[in-house]
Amino acid sequence: MLSQDEVQRVQKFKNETARKTYLCSRLAMRRLFSSYLKQPASELKFNTTQQGKPFLADYTTELKFNLSHSGELILLAVSPSLELGIDVEQHKPIPNWKDVASKVFDAQTIDILKQKKDPETAFIKAWTEFEARQKLLGQGIFGYKTAVNKKTAWEIMRIEDFEASLCYFQETKKPRICLFNYIK
C-alpha cells in the first residue's frame, strides 16, 4: 500500500518504535482515506507544503487531515472540509523544558509556566497547544510564530498518560471528536 517514498522513509528509522509508529500511521491513513475516497489505498498520493503540512494530492475533495504521534500513540484528525492541527505528547520528565520553551514561547508564557505547581506538565500542555496551532496554520514548529488569537480554538484531550490538543478556526462550529483505539 505504501509509496516508494514511504517505504524508503520506513527503512531509514533506527528506532523500532518510531519505525512501527510511522508505518502504522501511514497504513491507517491510507486505509481510512481509501474508504472515504473510494480509491485503492496504494494509489493515494500525498504531498506536503513547503512547511511540511501534509495533504492529499490530485484529488478534488476538500478532505483535510493532520497527524501526530508520541511514543506508540498515533492521533489522526480528519475533516471533510475543516482545516485542523493536532499534537500529542506523552507525559514524561523533561528536565530541559525551560530550554525548549525559550526557543518557542515568549517570556510571559515561560514565567506563567514556572509558577505552575507542576511546570513540566504545564509545559507539555502549552507545547501541544502551540504545536497544534502552528500545524493548523501550516507553519511547523520552527516556522513563523503565530500569537494566540481569537480566530483559533482548541480542544484539549487527556488520553491515558498523553496530552493532546486539536486546533481549528473558531469561526467554524465546534468539531465532533471521536476517539478510536485500534489496539485494545
N, C-alpha and C. Protein backbone atom coordinates (compact mmCIF):
# COMPACT_ATOMS: atom_id res chain seq x y z
N MET A 1 0.80 -1.21 0.00
CA MET A 1 0.00 0.00 0.00
C MET A 1 0.85 1.27 0.00
N LEU A 2 2.07 1.20 0.51
CA LEU A 2 2.88 2.40 0.67
C LEU A 2 3.52 2.85 -0.63
N SER A 3 3.78 4.14 -0.72
CA SER A 3 4.51 4.68 -1.87
C SER A 3 5.99 4.35 -1.70
N GLN A 4 6.74 4.51 -2.76
CA GLN A 4 8.19 4.27 -2.69
C GLN A 4 8.85 5.19 -1.67
N ASP A 5 8.43 6.44 -1.63
CA ASP A 5 8.98 7.39 -0.65
C ASP A 5 8.71 6.94 0.78
N GLU A 6 7.49 6.45 1.04
CA GLU A 6 7.15 5.98 2.38
C GLU A 6 7.98 4.75 2.76
N VAL A 7 8.17 3.84 1.83
CA VAL A 7 8.98 2.65 2.09
C VAL A 7 10.41 3.06 2.43
N GLN A 8 10.97 3.98 1.66
CA GLN A 8 12.33 4.45 1.92
C GLN A 8 12.43 5.12 3.29
N ARG A 9 11.42 5.89 3.65
CA ARG A 9 11.43 6.55 4.95
C ARG A 9 11.36 5.54 6.08
N VAL A 10 10.51 4.52 5.94
CA VAL A 10 10.41 3.47 6.96
C VAL A 10 11.77 2.81 7.18
N GLN A 11 12.48 2.56 6.11
CA GLN A 11 13.77 1.88 6.19
C GLN A 11 14.85 2.72 6.85
N LYS A 12 14.68 4.03 6.88
CA LYS A 12 15.68 4.93 7.47
C LYS A 12 15.60 5.01 8.99
N PHE A 13 14.43 4.64 9.56
CA PHE A 13 14.28 4.73 11.01
C PHE A 13 15.20 3.76 11.72
N LYS A 14 15.94 4.25 12.69
CA LYS A 14 16.82 3.40 13.51
C LYS A 14 16.06 2.87 14.72
N ASN A 15 15.13 3.68 15.24
CA ASN A 15 14.35 3.33 16.42
C ASN A 15 13.15 2.48 16.01
N GLU A 16 13.03 1.29 16.62
CA GLU A 16 11.96 0.36 16.26
C GLU A 16 10.56 0.94 16.53
N THR A 17 10.38 1.61 17.67
CA THR A 17 9.08 2.19 17.98
C THR A 17 8.72 3.27 16.96
N ALA A 18 9.67 4.13 16.61
CA ALA A 18 9.42 5.18 15.62
C ALA A 18 9.09 4.58 14.26
N ARG A 19 9.78 3.52 13.88
CA ARG A 19 9.51 2.87 12.61
C ARG A 19 8.09 2.30 12.58
N LYS A 20 7.71 1.58 13.65
CA LYS A 20 6.37 0.99 13.72
C LYS A 20 5.29 2.06 13.74
N THR A 21 5.53 3.12 14.49
CA THR A 21 4.56 4.20 14.60
C THR A 21 4.34 4.86 13.23
N TYR A 22 5.43 5.14 12.54
CA TYR A 22 5.32 5.74 11.21
C TYR A 22 4.58 4.80 10.26
N LEU A 23 4.96 3.56 10.25
CA LEU A 23 4.34 2.57 9.37
C LEU A 23 2.84 2.45 9.67
N CYS A 24 2.49 2.31 10.93
CA CYS A 24 1.07 2.18 11.31
C CYS A 24 0.28 3.44 10.94
N SER A 25 0.87 4.60 11.15
CA SER A 25 0.15 5.84 10.84
C SER A 25 -0.11 5.95 9.34
N ARG A 26 0.87 5.62 8.53
CA ARG A 26 0.69 5.70 7.08
C ARG A 26 -0.33 4.68 6.58
N LEU A 27 -0.26 3.47 7.11
CA LEU A 27 -1.23 2.45 6.70
C LEU A 27 -2.64 2.81 7.13
N ALA A 28 -2.80 3.32 8.34
CA ALA A 28 -4.12 3.73 8.83
C ALA A 28 -4.68 4.87 7.97
N MET A 29 -3.84 5.85 7.65
CA MET A 29 -4.29 6.95 6.81
C MET A 29 -4.74 6.44 5.45
N ARG A 30 -3.94 5.59 4.86
CA ARG A 30 -4.26 5.07 3.53
C ARG A 30 -5.56 4.27 3.54
N ARG A 31 -5.75 3.44 4.57
CA ARG A 31 -6.98 2.63 4.62
C ARG A 31 -8.21 3.51 4.85
N LEU A 32 -8.11 4.46 5.75
CA LEU A 32 -9.23 5.36 6.04
C LEU A 32 -9.58 6.21 4.82
N PHE A 33 -8.58 6.84 4.22
CA PHE A 33 -8.81 7.72 3.08
C PHE A 33 -9.26 6.94 1.86
N SER A 34 -8.76 5.73 1.71
CA SER A 34 -9.19 4.85 0.61
C SER A 34 -10.69 4.60 0.70
N SER A 35 -11.16 4.31 1.89
CA SER A 35 -12.58 4.07 2.11
C SER A 35 -13.40 5.32 1.82
N TYR A 36 -12.93 6.45 2.29
CA TYR A 36 -13.65 7.71 2.12
C TYR A 36 -13.69 8.13 0.65
N LEU A 37 -12.56 8.01 -0.04
CA LEU A 37 -12.44 8.49 -1.42
C LEU A 37 -12.82 7.45 -2.46
N LYS A 38 -13.06 6.21 -2.00
CA LYS A 38 -13.38 5.12 -2.92
C LYS A 38 -12.26 4.93 -3.96
N GLN A 39 -11.03 4.97 -3.46
CA GLN A 39 -9.84 4.79 -4.29
C GLN A 39 -8.97 3.71 -3.66
N PRO A 40 -8.24 2.94 -4.46
CA PRO A 40 -7.32 1.96 -3.86
C PRO A 40 -6.28 2.68 -2.99
N ALA A 41 -6.02 2.12 -1.83
CA ALA A 41 -5.08 2.74 -0.88
C ALA A 41 -3.71 2.96 -1.50
N SER A 42 -3.27 2.03 -2.31
CA SER A 42 -1.93 2.13 -2.92
C SER A 42 -1.84 3.26 -3.94
N GLU A 43 -2.98 3.75 -4.44
CA GLU A 43 -2.96 4.80 -5.45
C GLU A 43 -3.08 6.21 -4.87
N LEU A 44 -3.31 6.31 -3.57
CA LEU A 44 -3.40 7.63 -2.95
C LEU A 44 -2.04 8.31 -2.99
N LYS A 45 -2.06 9.59 -3.32
CA LYS A 45 -0.81 10.36 -3.38
C LYS A 45 -0.87 11.47 -2.35
N PHE A 46 0.18 11.55 -1.55
CA PHE A 46 0.29 12.59 -0.54
C PHE A 46 1.39 13.54 -0.94
N ASN A 47 1.24 14.77 -0.50
CA ASN A 47 2.26 15.77 -0.72
C ASN A 47 2.33 16.61 0.54
N THR A 48 3.30 17.49 0.62
CA THR A 48 3.41 18.39 1.76
C THR A 48 3.65 19.82 1.26
N THR A 49 3.21 20.77 2.07
CA THR A 49 3.51 22.17 1.77
C THR A 49 4.99 22.39 2.04
N GLN A 50 5.49 23.58 1.71
CA GLN A 50 6.89 23.90 1.98
C GLN A 50 7.23 23.76 3.45
N GLN A 51 6.24 24.02 4.32
CA GLN A 51 6.46 23.93 5.76
C GLN A 51 6.22 22.52 6.30
N GLY A 52 5.87 21.58 5.43
CA GLY A 52 5.74 20.19 5.85
C GLY A 52 4.33 19.73 6.19
N LYS A 53 3.31 20.56 5.98
CA LYS A 53 1.94 20.13 6.28
C LYS A 53 1.46 19.19 5.19
N PRO A 54 1.02 17.98 5.57
CA PRO A 54 0.61 17.00 4.56
C PRO A 54 -0.77 17.31 3.98
N PHE A 55 -0.96 16.90 2.72
CA PHE A 55 -2.27 16.99 2.08
C PHE A 55 -2.36 15.91 1.01
N LEU A 56 -3.58 15.59 0.64
CA LEU A 56 -3.82 14.64 -0.44
C LEU A 56 -3.61 15.36 -1.76
N ALA A 57 -2.80 14.80 -2.63
CA ALA A 57 -2.54 15.40 -3.94
C ALA A 57 -3.46 14.78 -4.98
N ASP A 58 -3.78 15.53 -6.00
CA ASP A 58 -4.54 15.04 -7.15
C ASP A 58 -5.97 14.63 -6.84
N TYR A 59 -6.60 15.25 -5.86
CA TYR A 59 -7.99 14.93 -5.56
C TYR A 59 -8.79 16.21 -5.46
N THR A 60 -10.01 16.16 -5.90
CA THR A 60 -10.87 17.33 -5.84
C THR A 60 -11.55 17.48 -4.48
N THR A 61 -11.41 16.48 -3.64
CA THR A 61 -12.04 16.51 -2.32
C THR A 61 -11.42 17.59 -1.45
N GLU A 62 -12.20 18.05 -0.52
CA GLU A 62 -11.71 19.02 0.46
C GLU A 62 -11.26 18.32 1.74
N LEU A 63 -11.05 17.03 1.68
CA LEU A 63 -10.66 16.26 2.86
C LEU A 63 -9.40 16.85 3.46
N LYS A 64 -9.48 17.21 4.74
CA LYS A 64 -8.36 17.80 5.46
C LYS A 64 -7.94 16.85 6.58
N PHE A 65 -6.67 16.84 6.90
CA PHE A 65 -6.20 15.97 7.97
C PHE A 65 -4.91 16.50 8.56
N ASN A 66 -4.61 15.99 9.73
CA ASN A 66 -3.34 16.29 10.38
C ASN A 66 -3.02 15.11 11.28
N LEU A 67 -1.75 14.85 11.45
CA LEU A 67 -1.28 13.65 12.14
C LEU A 67 -0.25 14.02 13.19
N SER A 68 -0.29 13.31 14.31
CA SER A 68 0.72 13.49 15.35
C SER A 68 0.92 12.15 16.05
N HIS A 69 2.10 11.95 16.56
CA HIS A 69 2.36 10.74 17.33
C HIS A 69 3.41 11.01 18.40
N SER A 70 3.31 10.23 19.45
CA SER A 70 4.26 10.30 20.56
C SER A 70 4.31 8.92 21.18
N GLY A 71 5.51 8.40 21.36
CA GLY A 71 5.62 7.03 21.84
C GLY A 71 4.92 6.11 20.86
N GLU A 72 4.01 5.29 21.35
CA GLU A 72 3.27 4.38 20.48
C GLU A 72 1.86 4.87 20.15
N LEU A 73 1.53 6.10 20.56
CA LEU A 73 0.20 6.64 20.30
C LEU A 73 0.22 7.49 19.03
N ILE A 74 -0.77 7.25 18.17
CA ILE A 74 -0.93 8.00 16.93
C ILE A 74 -2.30 8.67 16.97
N LEU A 75 -2.34 9.97 16.68
CA LEU A 75 -3.60 10.68 16.55
C LEU A 75 -3.71 11.20 15.12
N LEU A 76 -4.83 10.91 14.49
CA LEU A 76 -5.10 11.37 13.15
C LEU A 76 -6.40 12.16 13.21
N ALA A 77 -6.33 13.43 12.88
CA ALA A 77 -7.52 14.29 12.84
C ALA A 77 -7.94 14.42 11.39
N VAL A 78 -9.23 14.18 11.12
CA VAL A 78 -9.74 14.20 9.75
C VAL A 78 -11.04 14.99 9.72
N SER A 79 -11.21 15.77 8.67
CA SER A 79 -12.44 16.54 8.47
C SER A 79 -12.73 16.61 6.97
N PRO A 80 -14.01 16.58 6.60
CA PRO A 80 -14.32 16.73 5.18
C PRO A 80 -13.99 18.11 4.63
N SER A 81 -13.86 19.13 5.49
CA SER A 81 -13.57 20.47 4.98
C SER A 81 -12.84 21.38 5.96
N LEU A 82 -12.81 21.04 7.23
CA LEU A 82 -12.27 21.90 8.27
C LEU A 82 -10.75 21.73 8.40
N GLU A 83 -10.02 22.82 8.25
CA GLU A 83 -8.56 22.78 8.42
C GLU A 83 -8.27 22.48 9.89
N LEU A 84 -7.34 21.56 10.15
CA LEU A 84 -7.06 21.11 11.51
C LEU A 84 -5.56 21.09 11.80
N GLY A 85 -5.23 21.21 13.06
CA GLY A 85 -3.88 20.97 13.55
C GLY A 85 -4.00 20.14 14.81
N ILE A 86 -3.16 19.12 14.95
CA ILE A 86 -3.23 18.26 16.13
C ILE A 86 -1.83 17.95 16.62
N ASP A 87 -1.71 17.82 17.93
CA ASP A 87 -0.44 17.40 18.51
C ASP A 87 -0.72 16.55 19.74
N VAL A 88 0.15 15.59 19.97
CA VAL A 88 0.07 14.74 21.15
C VAL A 88 1.48 14.56 21.71
N GLU A 89 1.59 14.58 23.02
CA GLU A 89 2.86 14.37 23.71
C GLU A 89 2.63 13.46 24.91
N GLN A 90 3.54 12.55 25.11
CA GLN A 90 3.46 11.66 26.27
C GLN A 90 3.98 12.40 27.50
N HIS A 91 3.28 12.21 28.62
CA HIS A 91 3.76 12.81 29.87
C HIS A 91 4.97 12.03 30.34
N LYS A 92 6.10 12.72 30.40
CA LYS A 92 7.34 12.14 30.90
C LYS A 92 8.23 13.28 31.36
N PRO A 93 9.21 12.98 32.18
CA PRO A 93 10.09 14.05 32.66
C PRO A 93 10.80 14.76 31.50
N ILE A 94 10.81 16.07 31.56
CA ILE A 94 11.51 16.89 30.57
C ILE A 94 12.39 17.87 31.33
N PRO A 95 13.56 17.41 31.76
CA PRO A 95 14.41 18.27 32.59
C PRO A 95 14.83 19.56 31.90
N ASN A 96 14.89 19.57 30.58
CA ASN A 96 15.32 20.78 29.86
C ASN A 96 14.15 21.56 29.29
N TRP A 97 12.96 21.45 29.90
CA TRP A 97 11.77 22.09 29.35
C TRP A 97 11.95 23.60 29.23
N LYS A 98 12.70 24.22 30.15
CA LYS A 98 12.91 25.68 30.08
C LYS A 98 13.70 26.06 28.83
N ASP A 99 14.69 25.23 28.47
CA ASP A 99 15.47 25.50 27.26
C ASP A 99 14.60 25.39 26.01
N VAL A 100 13.78 24.35 25.97
CA VAL A 100 12.88 24.17 24.82
C VAL A 100 11.88 25.31 24.78
N ALA A 101 11.30 25.65 25.92
CA ALA A 101 10.31 26.73 25.98
C ALA A 101 10.90 28.06 25.50
N SER A 102 12.15 28.32 25.85
CA SER A 102 12.77 29.60 25.46
C SER A 102 12.92 29.73 23.95
N LYS A 103 12.89 28.61 23.23
CA LYS A 103 13.01 28.66 21.77
C LYS A 103 11.69 28.94 21.08
N VAL A 104 10.57 28.71 21.77
CA VAL A 104 9.27 28.88 21.10
C VAL A 104 8.29 29.80 21.83
N PHE A 105 8.44 29.97 23.13
CA PHE A 105 7.48 30.77 23.89
C PHE A 105 8.07 32.13 24.25
N ASP A 106 7.18 33.09 24.47
CA ASP A 106 7.63 34.41 24.93
C ASP A 106 7.92 34.36 26.43
N ALA A 107 8.57 35.39 26.94
CA ALA A 107 8.97 35.43 28.35
C ALA A 107 7.78 35.34 29.29
N GLN A 108 6.66 35.97 28.94
CA GLN A 108 5.47 35.94 29.79
C GLN A 108 4.94 34.52 29.93
N THR A 109 4.88 33.77 28.84
CA THR A 109 4.40 32.38 28.89
C THR A 109 5.33 31.53 29.75
N ILE A 110 6.63 31.73 29.61
CA ILE A 110 7.60 30.96 30.40
C ILE A 110 7.43 31.28 31.89
N ASP A 111 7.23 32.55 32.23
CA ASP A 111 7.01 32.93 33.64
C ASP A 111 5.75 32.26 34.19
N ILE A 112 4.69 32.22 33.39
CA ILE A 112 3.45 31.57 33.83
C ILE A 112 3.70 30.08 34.08
N LEU A 113 4.44 29.44 33.18
CA LEU A 113 4.74 28.00 33.34
C LEU A 113 5.55 27.75 34.61
N LYS A 114 6.54 28.60 34.88
CA LYS A 114 7.38 28.44 36.07
C LYS A 114 6.58 28.53 37.36
N GLN A 115 5.49 29.29 37.34
CA GLN A 115 4.68 29.48 38.55
C GLN A 115 3.69 28.35 38.79
N LYS A 116 3.54 27.47 37.85
CA LYS A 116 2.59 26.36 38.00
C LYS A 116 3.09 25.36 39.03
N LYS A 117 2.16 24.65 39.66
CA LYS A 117 2.50 23.62 40.66
C LYS A 117 3.39 22.54 40.04
N ASP A 118 3.07 22.14 38.81
CA ASP A 118 3.85 21.14 38.07
C ASP A 118 4.22 21.76 36.72
N PRO A 119 5.33 22.51 36.67
CA PRO A 119 5.67 23.23 35.44
C PRO A 119 5.94 22.34 34.23
N GLU A 120 6.47 21.14 34.45
CA GLU A 120 6.72 20.24 33.31
C GLU A 120 5.41 19.83 32.65
N THR A 121 4.41 19.48 33.45
CA THR A 121 3.11 19.10 32.90
C THR A 121 2.46 20.30 32.22
N ALA A 122 2.56 21.47 32.82
CA ALA A 122 2.02 22.69 32.20
C ALA A 122 2.73 22.98 30.88
N PHE A 123 4.04 22.73 30.84
CA PHE A 123 4.80 22.91 29.60
C PHE A 123 4.28 21.97 28.51
N ILE A 124 4.05 20.70 28.86
CA ILE A 124 3.56 19.75 27.85
C ILE A 124 2.22 20.20 27.29
N LYS A 125 1.33 20.65 28.14
CA LYS A 125 0.03 21.15 27.68
C LYS A 125 0.22 22.36 26.77
N ALA A 126 1.03 23.32 27.20
CA ALA A 126 1.29 24.52 26.40
C ALA A 126 1.94 24.16 25.06
N TRP A 127 2.84 23.17 25.11
CA TRP A 127 3.52 22.74 23.88
C TRP A 127 2.53 22.15 22.88
N THR A 128 1.62 21.28 23.35
CA THR A 128 0.67 20.67 22.42
C THR A 128 -0.25 21.73 21.82
N GLU A 129 -0.65 22.71 22.62
CA GLU A 129 -1.47 23.80 22.10
C GLU A 129 -0.71 24.60 21.04
N PHE A 130 0.55 24.91 21.34
CA PHE A 130 1.39 25.66 20.41
C PHE A 130 1.59 24.88 19.11
N GLU A 131 1.97 23.62 19.22
CA GLU A 131 2.26 22.85 18.01
C GLU A 131 1.00 22.61 17.18
N ALA A 132 -0.12 22.35 17.82
CA ALA A 132 -1.38 22.17 17.09
C ALA A 132 -1.74 23.45 16.32
N ARG A 133 -1.55 24.61 16.95
CA ARG A 133 -1.84 25.89 16.29
C ARG A 133 -0.89 26.11 15.11
N GLN A 134 0.38 25.84 15.30
CA GLN A 134 1.35 26.01 14.22
C GLN A 134 1.02 25.08 13.05
N LYS A 135 0.61 23.86 13.37
CA LYS A 135 0.26 22.90 12.32
C LYS A 135 -1.03 23.31 11.61
N LEU A 136 -2.00 23.83 12.35
CA LEU A 136 -3.23 24.33 11.74
C LEU A 136 -2.91 25.37 10.68
N LEU A 137 -2.03 26.29 11.02
CA LEU A 137 -1.68 27.40 10.13
C LEU A 137 -0.62 27.03 9.12
N GLY A 138 -0.15 25.78 9.16
CA GLY A 138 0.84 25.32 8.19
C GLY A 138 2.22 25.91 8.41
N GLN A 139 2.54 26.30 9.63
CA GLN A 139 3.81 26.95 9.92
C GLN A 139 4.89 25.99 10.40
N GLY A 140 4.52 24.85 10.96
CA GLY A 140 5.51 23.97 11.57
C GLY A 140 6.02 24.59 12.86
N ILE A 141 6.70 23.81 13.67
CA ILE A 141 7.10 24.32 14.98
C ILE A 141 8.21 25.35 14.91
N PHE A 142 8.98 25.35 13.84
CA PHE A 142 10.06 26.33 13.74
C PHE A 142 9.76 27.41 12.71
N GLY A 143 8.52 27.44 12.22
CA GLY A 143 8.10 28.47 11.28
C GLY A 143 7.77 29.76 12.01
N TYR A 144 7.13 30.66 11.31
CA TYR A 144 6.71 31.92 11.89
C TYR A 144 5.84 31.65 13.11
N LYS A 145 6.19 32.24 14.24
CA LYS A 145 5.46 32.01 15.50
C LYS A 145 4.22 32.88 15.54
N THR A 146 3.09 32.23 15.43
CA THR A 146 1.84 32.97 15.47
C THR A 146 1.37 33.12 16.90
N ALA A 147 0.92 34.30 17.24
CA ALA A 147 0.42 34.55 18.59
C ALA A 147 -0.97 33.93 18.75
N VAL A 148 -1.30 33.61 19.98
CA VAL A 148 -2.64 33.13 20.26
C VAL A 148 -3.60 34.26 19.93
N ASN A 149 -4.65 33.93 19.19
CA ASN A 149 -5.63 34.96 18.86
C ASN A 149 -7.03 34.39 18.91
N LYS A 150 -8.00 35.26 18.71
CA LYS A 150 -9.40 34.87 18.83
C LYS A 150 -9.88 34.04 17.65
N LYS A 151 -9.08 33.89 16.62
CA LYS A 151 -9.52 33.15 15.44
C LYS A 151 -9.34 31.64 15.59
N THR A 152 -8.56 31.21 16.55
CA THR A 152 -8.33 29.78 16.71
C THR A 152 -8.92 29.28 18.03
N ALA A 153 -9.33 28.03 18.03
CA ALA A 153 -9.91 27.41 19.22
C ALA A 153 -9.26 26.04 19.41
N TRP A 154 -9.32 25.55 20.64
CA TRP A 154 -8.69 24.27 20.96
C TRP A 154 -9.66 23.33 21.64
N GLU A 155 -9.38 22.08 21.45
CA GLU A 155 -9.97 21.02 22.25
C GLU A 155 -8.78 20.33 22.90
N ILE A 156 -8.77 20.31 24.21
CA ILE A 156 -7.68 19.67 24.96
C ILE A 156 -8.16 18.29 25.37
N MET A 157 -7.33 17.30 25.12
CA MET A 157 -7.70 15.92 25.44
C MET A 157 -6.62 15.27 26.29
N ARG A 158 -7.03 14.55 27.29
CA ARG A 158 -6.09 13.74 28.09
C ARG A 158 -6.41 12.29 27.76
N ILE A 159 -5.45 11.60 27.19
CA ILE A 159 -5.62 10.21 26.78
C ILE A 159 -4.57 9.39 27.52
N GLU A 160 -5.02 8.69 28.56
CA GLU A 160 -4.11 7.92 29.42
C GLU A 160 -2.99 8.83 29.88
N ASP A 161 -1.72 8.52 29.57
CA ASP A 161 -0.62 9.38 30.03
C ASP A 161 -0.11 10.28 28.90
N PHE A 162 -1.03 10.73 28.06
CA PHE A 162 -0.71 11.63 26.96
C PHE A 162 -1.57 12.89 27.06
N GLU A 163 -1.02 13.99 26.60
CA GLU A 163 -1.74 15.25 26.48
C GLU A 163 -1.87 15.53 24.99
N ALA A 164 -3.05 15.95 24.55
CA ALA A 164 -3.27 16.23 23.14
C ALA A 164 -4.08 17.50 22.97
N SER A 165 -3.82 18.19 21.87
CA SER A 165 -4.58 19.40 21.52
C SER A 165 -4.97 19.33 20.06
N LEU A 166 -6.22 19.69 19.82
CA LEU A 166 -6.75 19.82 18.46
C LEU A 166 -7.08 21.29 18.27
N CYS A 167 -6.56 21.89 17.22
CA CYS A 167 -6.78 23.31 16.97
C CYS A 167 -7.53 23.48 15.65
N TYR A 168 -8.45 24.44 15.62
CA TYR A 168 -9.24 24.72 14.42
C TYR A 168 -9.64 26.18 14.46
N PHE A 169 -10.16 26.68 13.33
CA PHE A 169 -10.59 28.07 13.28
C PHE A 169 -11.93 28.22 13.99
N GLN A 170 -12.01 29.21 14.87
CA GLN A 170 -13.17 29.40 15.73
C GLN A 170 -14.43 29.80 14.96
N GLU A 171 -14.29 30.36 13.77
CA GLU A 171 -15.48 30.75 13.01
C GLU A 171 -16.34 29.55 12.66
N THR A 172 -15.74 28.37 12.65
CA THR A 172 -16.48 27.17 12.31
C THR A 172 -17.11 26.59 13.57
N LYS A 173 -18.08 25.72 13.39
CA LYS A 173 -18.71 25.12 14.56
C LYS A 173 -17.73 24.14 15.21
N LYS A 174 -17.95 23.90 16.47
CA LYS A 174 -17.09 23.00 17.22
C LYS A 174 -17.12 21.61 16.58
N PRO A 175 -15.95 21.04 16.32
CA PRO A 175 -15.93 19.74 15.66
C PRO A 175 -16.39 18.62 16.60
N ARG A 176 -16.96 17.59 16.02
CA ARG A 176 -17.31 16.40 16.78
C ARG A 176 -16.05 15.55 16.87
N ILE A 177 -15.70 15.16 18.07
CA ILE A 177 -14.46 14.40 18.27
C ILE A 177 -14.81 12.95 18.61
N CYS A 178 -14.24 12.06 17.83
CA CYS A 178 -14.42 10.63 18.07
C CYS A 178 -13.03 10.02 18.22
N LEU A 179 -12.82 9.31 19.29
CA LEU A 179 -11.54 8.64 19.50
C LEU A 179 -11.75 7.13 19.31
N PHE A 180 -10.89 6.54 18.50
CA PHE A 180 -10.95 5.11 18.26
C PHE A 180 -9.62 4.50 18.67
N ASN A 181 -9.65 3.46 19.42
CA ASN A 181 -8.45 2.76 19.82
C ASN A 181 -8.41 1.44 19.05
N TYR A 182 -7.48 1.34 18.13
CA TYR A 182 -7.40 0.15 17.28
C TYR A 182 -6.56 -0.96 17.89
N ILE A 183 -5.96 -0.70 19.05
CA ILE A 183 -5.09 -1.70 19.67
C ILE A 183 -5.84 -2.51 20.70
N LYS A 184 -6.59 -1.85 21.56
CA LYS A 184 -7.25 -2.54 22.67
C LYS A 184 -8.47 -3.31 22.24
